Each structure stands twice: as structure tokens, then as C-alpha cells.
Amino acid sequence: QKSSLGIHTMWNEHFGIGIVEMMAAGLIVVAHNSGGPKLDIVTEYKSQSTGFLATTKEEYAQAMYRAFTMGSAESQAMRQAAQKSASRLSDVVFAKSFEEILLQANL
């Protein structure tokens, strides 16, 4: 791994698969505090932060500074929580959930 941080700046992204991919790769993510990233992706996972949300350039700078200066244990905990959280959005989980819905609907 050569990267430590992933930055996503799109405002009101409807979902943000790029963010999910960064999290799955073990990067600390700084994403825009809107849309899918805010509602569904960069959220706590079992009471552990999975990344940072920002809106202004100052907030992005603060989040990046925090990501680069946090302790090793805190950084590792955030990365692991992000990876586990990203796994809930995998193709396998989606297919299984979709199949369960079809079975419940008797389709």
C-alpha cells in the first residue's frame, strides 16, 4: 500500500462507490459531508469512526491533518472499521439481500 488517505470532494454524490473502494482498500477517507457519503457510507461502524466528512477547504485540511497525525492504534481502528463497513456494500451482500427480498415476495 502506497496511499494512506483518499479524498472525495463531489458535492451530493448519490452513492459514492469510489469512497467504498477506498475504504475497502484500507485508506482513511475524507469525503464531502452530503448525499450518500454522509447518509450511508462514511458513518460509524459498531461505534467506530470510518473516516471524515468535510464541506469547506478548511474542514478538508483539518480532516487531512487529523488523519496524518492520529496515533497508529487509532488509525488502524478507523481503517479496520472502514473495511468492515465497506464489506456490507459488496456485490455478494447485495445479491444475498436481493435474493432474500425476492423469496419473501414469493417472486
PDB file of N, CA and C in Angstrom:
ATOM      1  N   GLN A   1       0.846  -1.175   0.000  1.00  0.00           N
ATOM      2  CA  GLN A   1       0.000   0.000   0.000  1.00  0.00           C
ATOM      3  C   GLN A   1       0.883   1.227   0.000  1.00  0.00           C
ATOM      4  N   LYS A   2       0.626   2.121  -0.922  1.00  0.00           N
ATOM      5  CA  LYS A   2       1.418   3.337  -1.003  1.00  0.00           C
ATOM      6  C   LYS A   2       0.634   4.572  -0.577  1.00  0.00           C
ATOM      7  N   SER A   3      -0.671   4.460  -0.486  1.00  0.00           N
ATOM      8  CA  SER A   3      -1.504   5.585  -0.089  1.00  0.00           C
ATOM      9  C   SER A   3      -2.025   5.366   1.320  1.00  0.00           C
ATOM     10  N   SER A   4      -2.241   6.472   2.009  1.00  0.00           N
ATOM     11  CA  SER A   4      -2.801   6.410   3.355  1.00  0.00           C
ATOM     12  C   SER A   4      -4.162   7.062   3.432  1.00  0.00           C
ATOM     13  N   LEU A   5      -4.433   7.952   2.482  1.00  0.00           N
ATOM     14  CA  LEU A   5      -5.609   8.800   2.561  1.00  0.00           C
ATOM     15  C   LEU A   5      -6.289   8.863   1.206  1.00  0.00           C
ATOM     16  N   GLY A   6      -7.620   8.811   1.208  1.00  0.00           N
ATOM     17  CA  GLY A   6      -8.406   9.000  -0.006  1.00  0.00           C
ATOM     18  C   GLY A   6      -9.297  10.211   0.167  1.00  0.00           C
ATOM     19  N   ILE A   7      -9.331  11.069  -0.843  1.00  0.00           N
ATOM     20  CA  ILE A   7     -10.127  12.298  -0.769  1.00  0.00           C
ATOM     21  C   ILE A   7     -11.191  12.264  -1.862  1.00  0.00           C
ATOM     22  N   HIS A   8     -12.414  12.571  -1.473  1.00  0.00           N
ATOM     23  CA  HIS A   8     -13.534  12.611  -2.408  1.00  0.00           C
ATOM     24  C   HIS A   8     -14.257  13.927  -2.168  1.00  0.00           C
ATOM     25  N   THR A   9     -14.348  14.774  -3.188  1.00  0.00           N
ATOM     26  CA  THR A   9     -14.869  16.132  -2.982  1.00  0.00           C
ATOM     27  C   THR A   9     -16.213  16.405  -3.650  1.00  0.00           C
ATOM     28  N   MET A  10     -16.777  15.432  -4.341  1.00  0.00           N
ATOM     29  CA  MET A  10     -18.032  15.688  -5.061  1.00  0.00           C
ATOM     30  C   MET A  10     -19.163  15.996  -4.092  1.00  0.00           C
ATOM     31  N   TRP A  11     -19.854  17.090  -4.371  1.00  0.00           N
ATOM     32  CA  TRP A  11     -20.993  17.507  -3.562  1.00  0.00           C
ATOM     33  C   TRP A  11     -22.214  16.667  -3.918  1.00  0.00           C
ATOM     34  N   ASN A  12     -22.916  16.194  -2.914  1.00  0.00           N
ATOM     35  CA  ASN A  12     -24.182  15.491  -3.049  1.00  0.00           C
ATOM     36  C   ASN A  12     -24.096  14.245  -3.936  1.00  0.00           C
ATOM     37  N   GLU A  13     -22.999  13.544  -3.846  1.00  0.00           N
ATOM     38  CA  GLU A  13     -22.829  12.272  -4.556  1.00  0.00           C
ATOM     39  C   GLU A  13     -23.987  11.365  -4.171  1.00  0.00           C
ATOM     40  N   HIS A  14     -24.639  10.745  -5.155  1.00  0.00           N
ATOM     41  CA  HIS A  14     -25.813   9.923  -4.840  1.00  0.00           C
ATOM     42  C   HIS A  14     -25.438   8.669  -4.060  1.00  0.00           C
ATOM     43  N   PHE A  15     -24.286   8.093  -4.341  1.00  0.00           N
ATOM     44  CA  PHE A  15     -23.846   6.936  -3.565  1.00  0.00           C
ATOM     45  C   PHE A  15     -22.374   7.077  -3.221  1.00  0.00           C
ATOM     46  N   GLY A  16     -21.510   6.873  -4.153  1.00  0.00           N
ATOM     47  CA  GLY A  16     -20.089   7.044  -3.893  1.00  0.00           C
ATOM     48  C   GLY A  16     -19.309   5.748  -3.863  1.00  0.00           C
ATOM     49  N   ILE A  17     -19.396   4.951  -4.932  1.00  0.00           N
ATOM     50  CA  ILE A  17     -18.685   3.678  -4.952  1.00  0.00           C
ATOM     51  C   ILE A  17     -17.179   3.879  -4.824  1.00  0.00           C
ATOM     52  N   GLY A  18     -16.667   4.995  -5.321  1.00  0.00           N
ATOM     53  CA  GLY A  18     -15.239   5.280  -5.179  1.00  0.00           C
ATOM     54  C   GLY A  18     -14.828   5.368  -3.718  1.00  0.00           C
ATOM     55  N   ILE A  19     -15.705   5.912  -2.901  1.00  0.00           N
ATOM     56  CA  ILE A  19     -15.435   6.017  -1.467  1.00  0.00           C
ATOM     57  C   ILE A  19     -15.424   4.621  -0.846  1.00  0.00           C
ATOM     58  N   VAL A  20     -16.399   3.808  -1.231  1.00  0.00           N
ATOM     59  CA  VAL A  20     -16.460   2.434  -0.722  1.00  0.00           C
ATOM     60  C   VAL A  20     -15.183   1.689  -1.107  1.00  0.00           C
ATOM     61  N   GLU A  21     -14.717   1.868  -2.323  1.00  0.00           N
ATOM     62  CA  GLU A  21     -13.494   1.195  -2.775  1.00  0.00           C
ATOM     63  C   GLU A  21     -12.274   1.661  -1.984  1.00  0.00           C
ATOM     64  N   MET A  22     -12.205   2.960  -1.688  1.00  0.00           N
ATOM     65  CA  MET A  22     -11.088   3.468  -0.874  1.00  0.00           C
ATOM     66  C   MET A  22     -11.122   2.852   0.522  1.00  0.00           C
ATOM     67  N   MET A  23     -12.311   2.782   1.103  1.00  0.00           N
ATOM     68  CA  MET A  23     -12.447   2.196   2.430  1.00  0.00           C
ATOM     69  C   MET A  23     -12.058   0.720   2.410  1.00  0.00           C
ATOM     70  N   ALA A  24     -12.527   0.002   1.396  1.00  0.00           N
ATOM     71  CA  ALA A  24     -12.207  -1.421   1.285  1.00  0.00           C
ATOM     72  C   ALA A  24     -10.700  -1.646   1.131  1.00  0.00           C
ATOM     73  N   ALA A  25     -10.025  -0.690   0.517  1.00  0.00           N
ATOM     74  CA  ALA A  25      -8.573  -0.791   0.329  1.00  0.00           C
ATOM     75  C   ALA A  25      -7.788  -0.408   1.584  1.00  0.00           C
ATOM     76  N   GLY A  26      -8.493   0.043   2.621  1.00  0.00           N
ATOM     77  CA  GLY A  26      -7.818   0.386   3.864  1.00  0.00           C
ATOM     78  C   GLY A  26      -7.338   1.819   3.965  1.00  0.00           C
ATOM     79  N   LEU A  27      -7.854   2.681   3.102  1.00  0.00           N
ATOM     80  CA  LEU A  27      -7.476   4.089   3.182  1.00  0.00           C
ATOM     81  C   LEU A  27      -8.359   4.814   4.198  1.00  0.00           C
ATOM     82  N   ILE A  28      -7.823   5.843   4.791  1.00  0.00           N
ATOM     83  CA  ILE A  28      -8.640   6.751   5.584  1.00  0.00           C
ATOM     84  C   ILE A  28      -9.261   7.717   4.593  1.00  0.00           C
ATOM     85  N   VAL A  29     -10.580   7.865   4.656  1.00  0.00           N
ATOM     86  CA  VAL A  29     -11.315   8.645   3.674  1.00  0.00           C
ATOM     87  C   VAL A  29     -11.729   9.987   4.246  1.00  0.00           C
ATOM     88  N   VAL A  30     -11.596  11.017   3.404  1.00  0.00           N
ATOM     89  CA  VAL A  30     -12.185  12.323   3.676  1.00  0.00           C
ATOM     90  C   VAL A  30     -13.138  12.579   2.514  1.00  0.00           C
ATOM     91  N   ALA A  31     -14.439  12.614   2.797  1.00  0.00           N
ATOM     92  CA  ALA A  31     -15.450  12.768   1.764  1.00  0.00           C
ATOM     93  C   ALA A  31     -16.328  13.980   2.054  1.00  0.00           C
ATOM     94  N   HIS A  32     -17.037  14.420   1.027  1.00  0.00           N
ATOM     95  CA  HIS A  32     -17.922  15.575   1.195  1.00  0.00           C
ATOM     96  C   HIS A  32     -19.081  15.218   2.117  1.00  0.00           C
ATOM     97  N   ASN A  33     -19.404  16.126   2.987  1.00  0.00           N
ATOM     98  CA  ASN A  33     -20.439  15.939   4.001  1.00  0.00           C
ATOM     99  C   ASN A  33     -21.830  16.178   3.403  1.00  0.00           C
ATOM    100  N   SER A  34     -22.203  15.330   2.448  1.00  0.00           N
ATOM    101  CA  SER A  34     -23.510  15.443   1.795  1.00  0.00           C
ATOM    102  C   SER A  34     -23.842  14.124   1.121  1.00  0.00           C
ATOM    103  N   GLY A  35     -25.079  13.993   0.693  1.00  0.00           N
ATOM    104  CA  GLY A  35     -25.505  12.856  -0.099  1.00  0.00           C
ATOM    105  C   GLY A  35     -25.218  11.500   0.530  1.00  0.00           C
ATOM    106  N   GLY A  36     -24.943  10.528  -0.346  1.00  0.00           N
ATOM    107  CA  GLY A  36     -24.682   9.156   0.087  1.00  0.00           C
ATOM    108  C   GLY A  36     -23.544   9.005   1.070  1.00  0.00           C
ATOM    109  N   PRO A  37     -22.412   9.693   0.838  1.00  0.00           N
ATOM    110  CA  PRO A  37     -21.313   9.554   1.808  1.00  0.00           C
ATOM    111  C   PRO A  37     -21.748   9.900   3.234  1.00  0.00           C
ATOM    112  N   LYS A  38     -22.522  10.956   3.369  1.00  0.00           N
ATOM    113  CA  LYS A  38     -22.982  11.379   4.698  1.00  0.00           C
ATOM    114  C   LYS A  38     -24.033  10.415   5.261  1.00  0.00           C
ATOM    115  N   LEU A  39     -24.956   9.982   4.417  1.00  0.00           N
ATOM    116  CA  LEU A  39     -26.077   9.172   4.890  1.00  0.00           C
ATOM    117  C   LEU A  39     -25.759   7.693   5.058  1.00  0.00           C
ATOM    118  N   ASP A  40     -24.940   7.150   4.169  1.00  0.00           N
ATOM    119  CA  ASP A  40     -24.795   5.698   4.122  1.00  0.00           C
ATOM    120  C   ASP A  40     -23.381   5.140   4.179  1.00  0.00           C
ATOM    121  N   ILE A  41     -22.382   5.938   3.879  1.00  0.00           N
ATOM    122  CA  ILE A  41     -21.060   5.353   3.681  1.00  0.00           C
ATOM    123  C   ILE A  41     -20.072   5.712   4.794  1.00  0.00           C
ATOM    124  N   VAL A  42     -19.771   6.975   4.963  1.00  0.00           N
ATOM    125  CA  VAL A  42     -18.802   7.385   5.987  1.00  0.00           C
ATOM    126  C   VAL A  42     -19.577   7.618   7.285  1.00  0.00           C
ATOM    127  N   THR A  43     -20.032   6.498   7.827  1.00  0.00           N
ATOM    128  CA  THR A  43     -20.825   6.501   9.054  1.00  0.00           C
ATOM    129  C   THR A  43     -20.103   5.633  10.081  1.00  0.00           C
ATOM    130  N   GLU A  44     -20.532   5.702  11.307  1.00  0.00           N
ATOM    131  CA  GLU A  44     -19.910   4.851  12.323  1.00  0.00           C
ATOM    132  C   GLU A  44     -20.240   3.388  12.053  1.00  0.00           C
ATOM    133  N   TYR A  45     -19.292   2.537  12.348  1.00  0.00           N
ATOM    134  CA  TYR A  45     -19.483   1.100  12.247  1.00  0.00           C
ATOM    135  C   TYR A  45     -19.188   0.527  13.625  1.00  0.00           C
ATOM    136  N   LYS A  46     -20.224   0.022  14.273  1.00  0.00           N
ATOM    137  CA  LYS A  46     -20.096  -0.515  15.633  1.00  0.00           C
ATOM    138  C   LYS A  46     -19.395   0.485  16.551  1.00  0.00           C
ATOM    139  N   SER A  47     -19.880   1.716  16.533  1.00  0.00           N
ATOM    140  CA  SER A  47     -19.403   2.827  17.372  1.00  0.00           C
ATOM    141  C   SER A  47     -17.987   3.295  17.034  1.00  0.00           C
ATOM    142  N   GLN A  48     -17.465   2.933  15.883  1.00  0.00           N
ATOM    143  CA  GLN A  48     -16.117   3.341  15.473  1.00  0.00           C
ATOM    144  C   GLN A  48     -16.220   4.192  14.208  1.00  0.00           C
ATOM    145  N   SER A  49     -15.525   5.301  14.189  1.00  0.00           N
ATOM    146  CA  SER A  49     -15.493   6.164  13.021  1.00  0.00           C
ATOM    147  C   SER A  49     -14.863   5.436  11.834  1.00  0.00           C
ATOM    148  N   THR A  50     -15.414   5.672  10.638  1.00  0.00           N
ATOM    149  CA  THR A  50     -14.895   5.036   9.428  1.00  0.00           C
ATOM    150  C   THR A  50     -14.213   6.034   8.491  1.00  0.00           C
ATOM    151  N   GLY A  51     -14.110   7.274   8.902  1.00  0.00           N
ATOM    152  CA  GLY A  51     -13.482   8.298   8.068  1.00  0.00           C
ATOM    153  C   GLY A  51     -13.923   9.672   8.512  1.00  0.00           C
ATOM    154  N   PHE A  52     -13.702  10.633   7.633  1.00  0.00           N
ATOM    155  CA  PHE A  52     -14.020  12.024   7.945  1.00  0.00           C
ATOM    156  C   PHE A  52     -14.942  12.604   6.879  1.00  0.00           C
ATOM    157  N   LEU A  53     -15.799  13.527   7.292  1.00  0.00           N
ATOM    158  CA  LEU A  53     -16.643  14.271   6.372  1.00  0.00           C
ATOM    159  C   LEU A  53     -16.271  15.743   6.470  1.00  0.00           C
ATOM    160  N   ALA A  54     -16.298  16.420   5.329  1.00  0.00           N
ATOM    161  CA  ALA A  54     -15.911  17.832   5.298  1.00  0.00           C
ATOM    162  C   ALA A  54     -16.710  18.552   4.219  1.00  0.00           C
ATOM    163  N   THR A  55     -16.802  19.861   4.358  1.00  0.00           N
ATOM    164  CA  THR A  55     -17.508  20.670   3.371  1.00  0.00           C
ATOM    165  C   THR A  55     -16.600  21.766   2.813  1.00  0.00           C
ATOM    166  N   THR A  56     -15.976  22.501   3.696  1.00  0.00           N
ATOM    167  CA  THR A  56     -15.132  23.620   3.265  1.00  0.00           C
ATOM    168  C   THR A  56     -13.679  23.176   3.097  1.00  0.00           C
ATOM    169  N   LYS A  57     -12.896  24.011   2.443  1.00  0.00           N
ATOM    170  CA  LYS A  57     -11.475  23.678   2.287  1.00  0.00           C
ATOM    171  C   LYS A  57     -10.783  23.607   3.644  1.00  0.00           C
ATOM    172  N   GLU A  58     -11.236  24.413   4.585  1.00  0.00           N
ATOM    173  CA  GLU A  58     -10.653  24.371   5.923  1.00  0.00           C
ATOM    174  C   GLU A  58     -10.975  23.036   6.616  1.00  0.00           C
ATOM    175  N   GLU A  59     -12.209  22.576   6.463  1.00  0.00           N
ATOM    176  CA  GLU A  59     -12.587  21.287   7.053  1.00  0.00           C
ATOM    177  C   GLU A  59     -11.827  20.130   6.408  1.00  0.00           C
ATOM    178  N   TYR A  60     -11.635  20.205   5.092  1.00  0.00           N
ATOM    179  CA  TYR A  60     -10.832  19.172   4.415  1.00  0.00           C
ATOM    180  C   TYR A  60      -9.404  19.191   4.955  1.00  0.00           C
ATOM    181  N   ALA A  61      -8.842  20.384   5.096  1.00  0.00           N
ATOM    182  CA  ALA A  61      -7.467  20.497   5.607  1.00  0.00           C
ATOM    183  C   ALA A  61      -7.374  19.952   7.030  1.00  0.00           C
ATOM    184  N   GLN A  62      -8.344  20.284   7.881  1.00  0.00           N
ATOM    185  CA  GLN A  62      -8.351  19.789   9.257  1.00  0.00           C
ATOM    186  C   GLN A  62      -8.458  18.271   9.304  1.00  0.00           C
ATOM    187  N   ALA A  63      -9.333  17.706   8.467  1.00  0.00           N
ATOM    188  CA  ALA A  63      -9.511  16.255   8.442  1.00  0.00           C
ATOM    189  C   ALA A  63      -8.238  15.563   7.945  1.00  0.00           C
ATOM    190  N   MET A  64      -7.615  16.123   6.926  1.00  0.00           N
ATOM    191  CA  MET A  64      -6.374  15.545   6.416  1.00  0.00           C
ATOM    192  C   MET A  64      -5.275  15.612   7.475  1.00  0.00           C
ATOM    193  N   TYR A  65      -5.186  16.752   8.151  1.00  0.00           N
ATOM    194  CA  TYR A  65      -4.192  16.888   9.215  1.00  0.00           C
ATOM    195  C   TYR A  65      -4.445  15.847  10.308  1.00  0.00           C
ATOM    196  N   ARG A  66      -5.704  15.697  10.696  1.00  0.00           N
ATOM    197  CA  ARG A  66      -6.059  14.725  11.738  1.00  0.00           C
ATOM    198  C   ARG A  66      -5.705  13.304  11.294  1.00  0.00           C
ATOM    199  N   ALA A  67      -5.999  12.988  10.043  1.00  0.00           N
ATOM    200  CA  ALA A  67      -5.705  11.646   9.536  1.00  0.00           C
ATOM    201  C   ALA A  67      -4.208  11.352   9.558  1.00  0.00           C
ATOM    202  N   PHE A  68      -3.406  12.353   9.219  1.00  0.00           N
ATOM    203  CA  PHE A  68      -1.957  12.146   9.158  1.00  0.00           C
ATOM    204  C   PHE A  68      -1.281  12.197  10.525  1.00  0.00           C
ATOM    205  N   THR A  69      -1.963  12.752  11.526  1.00  0.00           N
ATOM    206  CA  THR A  69      -1.317  12.901  12.833  1.00  0.00           C
ATOM    207  C   THR A  69      -1.906  12.003  13.925  1.00  0.00           C
ATOM    208  N   MET A  70      -2.969  11.261  13.613  1.00  0.00           N
ATOM    209  CA  MET A  70      -3.545  10.391  14.645  1.00  0.00           C
ATOM    210  C   MET A  70      -2.573   9.254  14.956  1.00  0.00           C
ATOM    211  N   GLY A  71      -2.708   8.709  16.110  1.00  0.00           N
ATOM    212  CA  GLY A  71      -1.838   7.615  16.533  1.00  0.00           C
ATOM    213  C   GLY A  71      -2.074   6.359  15.710  1.00  0.00           C
ATOM    214  N   SER A  72      -1.115   5.485  15.743  1.00  0.00           N
ATOM    215  CA  SER A  72      -1.162   4.252  14.968  1.00  0.00           C
ATOM    216  C   SER A  72      -2.366   3.382  15.332  1.00  0.00           C
ATOM    217  N   ALA A  73      -2.657   3.242  16.609  1.00  0.00           N
ATOM    218  CA  ALA A  73      -3.778   2.404  17.044  1.00  0.00           C
ATOM    219  C   ALA A  73      -5.106   2.985  16.574  1.00  0.00           C
ATOM    220  N   GLU A  74      -5.257   4.294  16.688  1.00  0.00           N
ATOM    221  CA  GLU A  74      -6.498   4.950  16.250  1.00  0.00           C
ATOM    222  C   GLU A  74      -6.646   4.842  14.726  1.00  0.00           C
ATOM    223  N   SER A  75      -5.554   5.045  14.031  1.00  0.00           N
ATOM    224  CA  SER A  75      -5.565   4.925  12.572  1.00  0.00           C
ATOM    225  C   SER A  75      -5.949   3.519  12.141  1.00  0.00           C
ATOM    226  N   GLN A  76      -5.355   2.528  12.767  1.00  0.00           N
ATOM    227  CA  GLN A  76      -5.652   1.133  12.425  1.00  0.00           C
ATOM    228  C   GLN A  76      -7.103   0.786  12.730  1.00  0.00           C
ATOM    229  N   ALA A  77      -7.620   1.272  13.848  1.00  0.00           N
ATOM    230  CA  ALA A  77      -9.016   1.010  14.217  1.00  0.00           C
ATOM    231  C   ALA A  77      -9.967   1.632  13.187  1.00  0.00           C
ATOM    232  N   MET A  78      -9.668   2.849  12.732  1.00  0.00           N
ATOM    233  CA  MET A  78     -10.503   3.510  11.741  1.00  0.00           C
ATOM    234  C   MET A  78     -10.456   2.752  10.414  1.00  0.00           C
ATOM    235  N   ARG A  79      -9.269   2.345  10.002  1.00  0.00           N
ATOM    236  CA  ARG A  79      -9.122   1.599   8.742  1.00  0.00           C
ATOM    237  C   ARG A  79      -9.887   0.279   8.796  1.00  0.00           C
ATOM    238  N   GLN A  80      -9.762  -0.437   9.904  1.00  0.00           N
ATOM    239  CA  GLN A  80     -10.451  -1.726  10.034  1.00  0.00           C
ATOM    240  C   GLN A  80     -11.965  -1.552  10.057  1.00  0.00           C
ATOM    241  N   ALA A  81     -12.441  -0.535  10.761  1.00  0.00           N
ATOM    242  CA  ALA A  81     -13.882  -0.267  10.789  1.00  0.00           C
ATOM    243  C   ALA A  81     -14.384   0.095   9.395  1.00  0.00           C
ATOM    244  N   ALA A  82     -13.601   0.869   8.666  1.00  0.00           N
ATOM    245  CA  ALA A  82     -13.987   1.254   7.312  1.00  0.00           C
ATOM    246  C   ALA A  82     -14.037   0.035   6.396  1.00  0.00           C
ATOM    247  N   GLN A  83     -13.059  -0.845   6.509  1.00  0.00           N
ATOM    248  CA  GLN A  83     -13.055  -2.055   5.681  1.00  0.00           C
ATOM    249  C   GLN A  83     -14.256  -2.939   5.994  1.00  0.00           C
ATOM    250  N   LYS A  84     -14.562  -3.119   7.273  1.00  0.00           N
ATOM    251  CA  LYS A  84     -15.713  -3.940   7.655  1.00  0.00           C
ATOM    252  C   LYS A  84     -17.016  -3.285   7.193  1.00  0.00           C
ATOM    253  N   SER A  85     -17.112  -1.972   7.325  1.00  0.00           N
ATOM    254  CA  SER A  85     -18.297  -1.259   6.882  1.00  0.00           C
ATOM    255  C   SER A  85     -18.460  -1.376   5.368  1.00  0.00           C
ATOM    256  N   ALA A  86     -17.371  -1.264   4.633  1.00  0.00           N
ATOM    257  CA  ALA A  86     -17.427  -1.364   3.171  1.00  0.00           C
ATOM    258  C   ALA A  86     -17.899  -2.746   2.733  1.00  0.00           C
ATOM    259  N   SER A  87     -17.583  -3.763   3.512  1.00  0.00           N
ATOM    260  CA  SER A  87     -17.962  -5.121   3.123  1.00  0.00           C
ATOM    261  C   SER A  87     -19.480  -5.310   3.112  1.00  0.00           C
ATOM    262  N   ARG A  88     -20.202  -4.493   3.862  1.00  0.00           N
ATOM    263  CA  ARG A  88     -21.666  -4.602   3.863  1.00  0.00           C
ATOM    264  C   ARG A  88     -22.256  -4.107   2.549  1.00  0.00           C
ATOM    265  N   LEU A  89     -21.438  -3.454   1.724  1.00  0.00           N
ATOM    266  CA  LEU A  89     -21.895  -2.927   0.442  1.00  0.00           C
ATOM    267  C   LEU A  89     -21.335  -3.718  -0.740  1.00  0.00           C
ATOM    268  N   SER A  90     -20.866  -4.923  -0.478  1.00  0.00           N
ATOM    269  CA  SER A  90     -20.260  -5.745  -1.535  1.00  0.00           C
ATOM    270  C   SER A  90     -21.318  -6.347  -2.455  1.00  0.00           C
ATOM    271  N   ASP A  91     -20.879  -6.812  -3.620  1.00  0.00           N
ATOM    272  CA  ASP A  91     -21.771  -7.486  -4.565  1.00  0.00           C
ATOM    273  C   ASP A  91     -22.408  -8.719  -3.938  1.00  0.00           C
ATOM    274  N   VAL A  92     -21.637  -9.458  -3.171  1.00  0.00           N
ATOM    275  CA  VAL A  92     -22.130 -10.691  -2.549  1.00  0.00           C
ATOM    276  C   VAL A  92     -23.251 -10.373  -1.561  1.00  0.00           C
ATOM    277  N   VAL A  93     -23.049  -9.374  -0.724  1.00  0.00           N
ATOM    278  CA  VAL A  93     -24.069  -8.994   0.256  1.00  0.00           C
ATOM    279  C   VAL A  93     -25.311  -8.468  -0.466  1.00  0.00           C
ATOM    280  N   PHE A  94     -25.109  -7.658  -1.507  1.00  0.00           N
ATOM    281  CA  PHE A  94     -26.242  -7.136  -2.267  1.00  0.00           C
ATOM    282  C   PHE A  94     -27.046  -8.276  -2.886  1.00  0.00           C
ATOM    283  N   ALA A  95     -26.373  -9.217  -3.533  1.00  0.00           N
ATOM    284  CA  ALA A  95     -27.064 -10.336  -4.182  1.00  0.00           C
ATOM    285  C   ALA A  95     -27.847 -11.162  -3.168  1.00  0.00           C
ATOM    286  N   LYS A  96     -27.242 -11.417  -2.018  1.00  0.00           N
ATOM    287  CA  LYS A  96     -27.930 -12.196  -0.986  1.00  0.00           C
ATOM    288  C   LYS A  96     -29.172 -11.455  -0.481  1.00  0.00           C
ATOM    289  N   SER A  97     -29.035 -10.170  -0.238  1.00  0.00           N
ATOM    290  CA  SER A  97     -30.169  -9.371   0.234  1.00  0.00           C
ATOM    291  C   SER A  97     -31.273  -9.318  -0.811  1.00  0.00           C
ATOM    292  N   PHE A  98     -30.883  -9.171  -2.069  1.00  0.00           N
ATOM    293  CA  PHE A  98     -31.855  -9.118  -3.153  1.00  0.00           C
ATOM    294  C   PHE A  98     -32.604 -10.442  -3.268  1.00  0.00           C
ATOM    295  N   GLU A  99     -31.875 -11.536  -3.157  1.00  0.00           N
ATOM    296  CA  GLU A  99     -32.489 -12.863  -3.209  1.00  0.00           C
ATOM    297  C   GLU A  99     -33.474 -13.055  -2.061  1.00  0.00           C
ATOM    298  N   GLU A 100     -33.101 -12.607  -0.860  1.00  0.00           N
ATOM    299  CA  GLU A 100     -33.996 -12.731   0.288  1.00  0.00           C
ATOM    300  C   GLU A 100     -35.281 -11.942   0.085  1.00  0.00           C
ATOM    301  N   ILE A 101     -35.186 -10.771  -0.514  1.00  0.00           N
ATOM    302  CA  ILE A 101     -36.376  -9.949  -0.783  1.00  0.00           C
ATOM    303  C   ILE A 101     -37.282 -10.652  -1.788  1.00  0.00           C
ATOM    304  N   LEU A 102     -36.676 -11.221  -2.824  1.00  0.00           N
ATOM    305  CA  LEU A 102     -37.467 -11.944  -3.828  1.00  0.00           C
ATOM    306  C   LEU A 102     -38.176 -13.150  -3.210  1.00  0.00           C
ATOM    307  N   LEU A 103     -37.468 -13.861  -2.342  1.00  0.00           N
ATOM    308  CA  LEU A 103     -38.073 -15.021  -1.692  1.00  0.00           C
ATOM    309  C   LEU A 103     -39.230 -14.600  -0.786  1.00  0.00           C
ATOM    310  N   GLN A 104     -39.051 -13.517  -0.060  1.00  0.00           N
ATOM    311  CA  GLN A 104     -40.116 -13.030   0.818  1.00  0.00           C
ATOM    312  C   GLN A 104     -41.332 -12.570   0.029  1.00  0.00           C
ATOM    313  N   ALA A 105     -41.085 -12.065  -1.174  1.00  0.00           N
ATOM    314  CA  ALA A 105     -42.184 -11.588  -2.031  1.00  0.00           C
ATOM    315  C   ALA A 105     -42.763 -12.720  -2.875  1.00  0.00           C
ATOM    316  N   ASN A 106     -42.211 -13.931  -2.691  1.00  0.00           N
ATOM    317  CA  ASN A 106     -42.628 -15.088  -3.480  1.00  0.00           C
ATOM    318  C   ASN A 106     -42.468 -14.868  -4.982  1.00  0.00           C
ATOM    319  N   LEU A 107     -41.369 -14.239  -5.358  1.00  0.00           N
ATOM    320  CA  LEU A 107     -41.092 -13.997  -6.785  1.00  0.00           C
ATOM    321  C   LEU A 107     -40.054 -14.953  -7.302  1.00  0.00           C
TER     322      LEU A 107
END
